[in-house]
């Protein structure tokens, strides 16, 4: 209990702490936690429903009806890549990556949380997510007829494969994947993780990029 003195009298002030426990087990948990904003901050549109009091609206923040896992992926990677959540919509792609982050580097290995070679990983990811089969070697992927090669860094977009050269005996020594906002997925001594493409380590070794050719449906 705290006391304030006013006009030489003592007035007791009681502070009550209300604790709310919200379960996130339901797939519709986002609907159980409405975000409340003053009505003067919202436009009168179909996405806002008048609900809590006359001065507040309930906002549906899951108009895509995403699952709990998809919402987690969207939130996590929009924060990591520093982009708006709407930029993260390939949930299978990021969900696949998410399982492997932090796996140590091991040459010619592909075992989750045990060891991974980035070219092996790229081959597996593109096979599972994009249904395209690549060789397992960096040079083999570089020579694949399924991709269009280019060098301009300003043209990079999500899913492009990056090619790196580490020594003169192997012109194409390793691969990575471009994500968003100069963030890439690559494998270093620290393992398979998301790195800043602007780091000198990558910039000095970057050779080219490759993008999947459009399929003729």
Protein backbone atom coordinates (compact mmCIF):
# COMPACT_ATOMS: atom_id res chain seq x y z
CA UNK A 1 0.00 0.00 0.00
CA UNK A 2 1.21 3.49 -0.87
CA UNK A 3 0.13 6.78 0.82
CA UNK A 4 -0.09 10.30 -0.50
CA UNK A 5 -0.26 13.39 1.75
CA UNK A 6 -2.85 15.99 0.79
CA UNK A 7 -3.68 19.00 3.00
CA UNK A 8 -1.96 17.31 5.93
CA UNK A 9 -4.19 14.23 5.64
CA UNK A 10 -3.23 10.75 4.64
CA UNK A 11 -5.20 9.08 1.86
CA UNK A 12 -4.67 5.36 1.17
CA UNK A 13 -4.32 4.37 -2.46
CA UNK A 14 -4.66 0.73 -3.44
CA UNK A 15 -3.24 -0.51 -6.69
CA UNK A 16 -4.75 -3.65 -8.11
CA UNK A 17 -2.85 -5.80 -10.59
CA UNK A 18 -5.07 -7.73 -12.93
CA UNK A 19 -3.46 -10.66 -14.67
CA UNK A 20 -5.01 -12.15 -17.74
CA UNK A 21 -3.95 -15.50 -19.05
CA UNK A 22 -4.64 -16.14 -22.72
CA UNK A 23 -4.32 -19.54 -24.30
CA UNK A 24 -2.66 -19.72 -27.71
CA UNK A 25 -3.49 -23.37 -28.28
CA UNK A 26 -6.44 -22.72 -30.56
CA UNK A 27 -5.84 -22.22 -34.24
CA UNK A 28 -8.05 -19.16 -33.97
CA UNK A 29 -6.16 -17.70 -31.04
CA UNK A 30 -5.49 -14.46 -32.92
CA UNK A 31 -9.25 -13.83 -32.98
CA UNK A 32 -9.41 -14.25 -29.22
CA UNK A 33 -6.98 -11.36 -28.69
CA UNK A 34 -8.54 -8.40 -30.51
CA UNK A 35 -6.37 -5.36 -31.08
CA UNK A 36 -8.23 -2.30 -29.89
CA UNK A 37 -7.66 1.12 -31.39
CA UNK A 38 -9.48 4.42 -30.89
CA UNK A 39 -12.06 4.78 -33.61
CA UNK A 40 -10.57 8.03 -34.89
CA UNK A 41 -7.45 6.07 -35.96
CA UNK A 42 -9.38 3.72 -38.22
CA UNK A 43 -11.18 4.13 -41.48
CA UNK A 44 -14.74 2.92 -41.65
CA UNK A 45 -14.15 -0.17 -43.78
CA UNK A 46 -15.24 -3.77 -44.00
CA UNK A 47 -12.30 -5.03 -41.98
CA UNK A 48 -13.30 -3.17 -38.79
CA UNK A 49 -16.28 -4.28 -36.74
CA UNK A 50 -17.70 -2.06 -34.07
CA UNK A 51 -17.53 -3.94 -30.82
CA UNK A 52 -15.98 -2.86 -27.54
CA UNK A 53 -17.71 0.33 -26.48
CA UNK A 54 -18.64 3.22 -28.71
CA UNK A 55 -15.08 4.46 -29.15
CA UNK A 56 -13.35 1.22 -30.13
CA UNK A 57 -13.30 -1.31 -32.93
CA UNK A 58 -12.32 -4.97 -33.15
CA UNK A 59 -9.77 -5.48 -35.91
CA UNK A 60 -9.46 -8.84 -37.64
CA UNK A 61 -5.68 -9.27 -37.99
CA UNK A 62 -5.94 -12.65 -39.68
CA UNK A 63 -7.95 -11.97 -42.81
CA UNK A 64 -6.05 -14.76 -44.63
CA UNK A 65 -7.30 -17.28 -42.07
CA UNK A 66 -3.76 -18.55 -41.51
CA UNK A 67 -2.89 -21.41 -39.21
CA UNK A 68 -0.94 -20.88 -35.98
CA UNK A 69 2.23 -22.12 -37.69
CA UNK A 70 1.80 -19.80 -40.68
CA UNK A 71 1.24 -16.84 -38.36
CA UNK A 72 4.40 -17.76 -36.45
CA UNK A 73 6.45 -17.96 -39.65
CA UNK A 74 5.06 -14.66 -40.94
CA UNK A 75 5.82 -12.83 -37.69
CA UNK A 76 9.24 -14.39 -37.12
CA UNK A 77 10.66 -13.79 -40.59
CA UNK A 78 9.18 -10.33 -41.06
CA UNK A 79 11.10 -9.38 -37.91
CA UNK A 80 14.34 -11.17 -38.88
CA UNK A 81 14.32 -9.81 -42.42
CA UNK A 82 13.00 -6.39 -41.38
CA UNK A 83 10.15 -6.33 -43.88
CA UNK A 84 6.41 -5.86 -43.66
CA UNK A 85 4.51 -9.07 -42.75
CA UNK A 86 2.74 -9.00 -46.13
CA UNK A 87 6.13 -9.69 -47.77
CA UNK A 88 6.26 -13.10 -46.08
CA UNK A 89 3.74 -15.34 -47.81
CA UNK A 90 5.65 -18.42 -49.01
CA UNK A 91 5.06 -20.35 -45.79
CA UNK A 92 6.34 -23.67 -47.14
CA UNK A 93 9.62 -22.04 -48.18
CA UNK A 94 10.26 -20.35 -44.82
CA UNK A 95 8.89 -23.29 -42.86
CA UNK A 96 11.44 -25.56 -44.53
CA UNK A 97 14.28 -23.13 -43.80
CA UNK A 98 13.14 -22.69 -40.21
CA UNK A 99 13.72 -26.36 -39.38
CA UNK A 100 17.37 -26.19 -40.46
CA UNK A 101 18.56 -22.90 -39.01
CA UNK A 102 21.55 -23.39 -36.72
CA UNK A 103 22.57 -26.74 -38.19
CA UNK A 104 26.41 -26.99 -38.15
CA UNK A 105 28.32 -27.05 -41.42
CA UNK A 106 29.56 -30.46 -42.54
CA UNK A 107 30.81 -31.17 -46.04
CA UNK A 108 28.56 -33.39 -48.16
CA UNK A 109 26.11 -33.84 -45.29
CA UNK A 110 22.36 -33.30 -45.03
CA UNK A 111 21.03 -34.17 -41.60
CA UNK A 112 18.90 -31.70 -39.68
CA UNK A 113 20.59 -30.30 -36.54
CA UNK A 114 23.56 -32.63 -37.15
CA UNK A 115 25.34 -31.35 -40.25
CA UNK A 116 24.59 -29.66 -43.57
CA UNK A 117 26.36 -28.71 -46.77
CA UNK A 118 24.62 -25.69 -48.32
CA UNK A 119 24.55 -27.10 -51.87
CA UNK A 120 22.94 -30.28 -50.53
CA UNK A 121 20.42 -28.14 -48.66
CA UNK A 122 19.58 -26.03 -51.72
CA UNK A 123 19.08 -29.20 -53.76
CA UNK A 124 16.69 -30.62 -51.14
CA UNK A 125 14.76 -27.37 -50.57
CA UNK A 126 14.17 -26.72 -54.28
CA UNK A 127 13.11 -30.30 -54.80
CA UNK A 128 10.57 -30.23 -51.95
CA UNK A 129 9.28 -26.66 -52.27
CA UNK A 130 9.63 -25.79 -55.97
CA UNK A 131 9.60 -29.32 -57.43
CA UNK A 132 12.83 -28.67 -59.34
CA UNK A 133 15.70 -31.16 -59.26
CA UNK A 134 19.26 -29.82 -59.07
CA UNK A 135 22.63 -31.57 -58.78
CA UNK A 136 24.09 -31.51 -55.26
CA UNK A 137 27.26 -29.61 -56.14
CA UNK A 138 27.59 -25.79 -56.40
CA UNK A 139 28.99 -26.07 -59.94
CA UNK A 140 26.22 -28.49 -60.92
CA UNK A 141 23.54 -26.06 -59.75
CA UNK A 142 25.34 -23.22 -61.54
CA UNK A 143 25.21 -25.16 -64.82
CA UNK A 144 21.60 -26.30 -64.43
CA UNK A 145 19.30 -25.52 -67.35
CA UNK A 146 16.49 -24.80 -64.88
CA UNK A 147 17.90 -21.40 -63.88
CA UNK A 148 18.66 -18.12 -65.60
CA UNK A 149 21.97 -16.59 -64.49
CA UNK A 150 22.54 -12.87 -63.89
CA UNK A 151 25.00 -10.69 -62.01
CA UNK A 152 23.12 -7.51 -61.04
CA UNK A 153 22.56 -7.39 -57.29
CA UNK A 154 19.74 -4.85 -57.55
CA UNK A 155 17.60 -7.44 -59.34
CA UNK A 156 17.76 -10.00 -56.56
CA UNK A 157 14.51 -11.28 -55.13
CA UNK A 158 13.28 -13.97 -52.76
CA UNK A 159 14.40 -17.47 -53.74
CA UNK A 160 17.27 -16.53 -56.06
CA UNK A 161 20.31 -18.77 -55.71
CA UNK A 162 23.62 -17.04 -55.00
CA UNK A 163 26.95 -18.41 -56.19
CA UNK A 164 30.24 -17.80 -54.38
CA UNK A 165 33.90 -18.43 -55.22
CA UNK A 166 36.33 -19.24 -52.40
CA UNK A 167 39.45 -20.31 -54.29
CA UNK A 168 40.93 -20.34 -57.80
CA UNK A 169 40.64 -24.09 -58.14
CA UNK A 170 36.85 -24.02 -57.74
CA UNK A 171 35.29 -21.12 -59.68
CA UNK A 172 31.90 -21.93 -58.12
CA UNK A 173 32.66 -23.03 -54.57
CA UNK A 174 29.42 -22.56 -52.64
CA UNK A 175 25.80 -21.41 -52.87
CA UNK A 176 23.30 -19.43 -50.83
CA UNK A 177 19.71 -18.23 -51.14
CA UNK A 178 18.56 -14.62 -51.28
CA UNK A 179 15.64 -13.83 -48.98
CA UNK A 180 14.71 -10.16 -48.54
CA UNK A 181 16.28 -6.84 -47.67
CA UNK A 182 19.91 -7.96 -48.28
CA UNK A 183 19.47 -10.98 -46.01
CA UNK A 184 20.63 -14.34 -47.31
CA UNK A 185 20.61 -17.94 -46.20
CA UNK A 186 24.14 -19.34 -46.30
CA UNK A 187 26.44 -21.79 -44.56
CA UNK A 188 29.65 -20.63 -42.86
CA UNK A 189 31.77 -21.92 -40.00
CA UNK A 190 28.88 -20.77 -37.78
CA UNK A 191 26.51 -23.14 -39.56
CA UNK A 192 23.41 -22.63 -41.71
CA UNK A 193 21.96 -19.25 -40.80
CA UNK A 194 20.66 -15.94 -42.10
CA UNK A 195 23.42 -13.42 -42.81
CA UNK A 196 23.80 -9.90 -44.13
CA UNK A 197 24.70 -10.06 -47.82
CA UNK A 198 26.54 -6.73 -47.49
CA UNK A 199 29.17 -8.29 -45.23
CA UNK A 200 32.60 -8.18 -46.82
CA UNK A 201 32.91 -11.93 -46.46
CA UNK A 202 30.12 -12.46 -49.02
CA UNK A 203 30.72 -9.43 -51.21
CA UNK A 204 34.29 -10.44 -52.00
CA UNK A 205 33.18 -13.93 -52.99
CA UNK A 206 29.95 -13.25 -54.87
CA UNK A 207 30.04 -14.38 -58.52
CA UNK A 208 26.47 -14.44 -59.83
CA UNK A 209 22.88 -15.33 -59.06
CA UNK A 210 20.41 -17.71 -60.63
CA UNK A 211 16.62 -17.57 -60.86
CA UNK A 212 14.25 -20.37 -61.73
CA UNK A 213 13.05 -20.12 -65.29
CA UNK A 214 9.27 -19.80 -65.62
CA UNK A 215 7.52 -23.04 -66.35
CA UNK A 216 5.29 -23.42 -69.38
CA UNK A 217 1.90 -24.50 -68.10
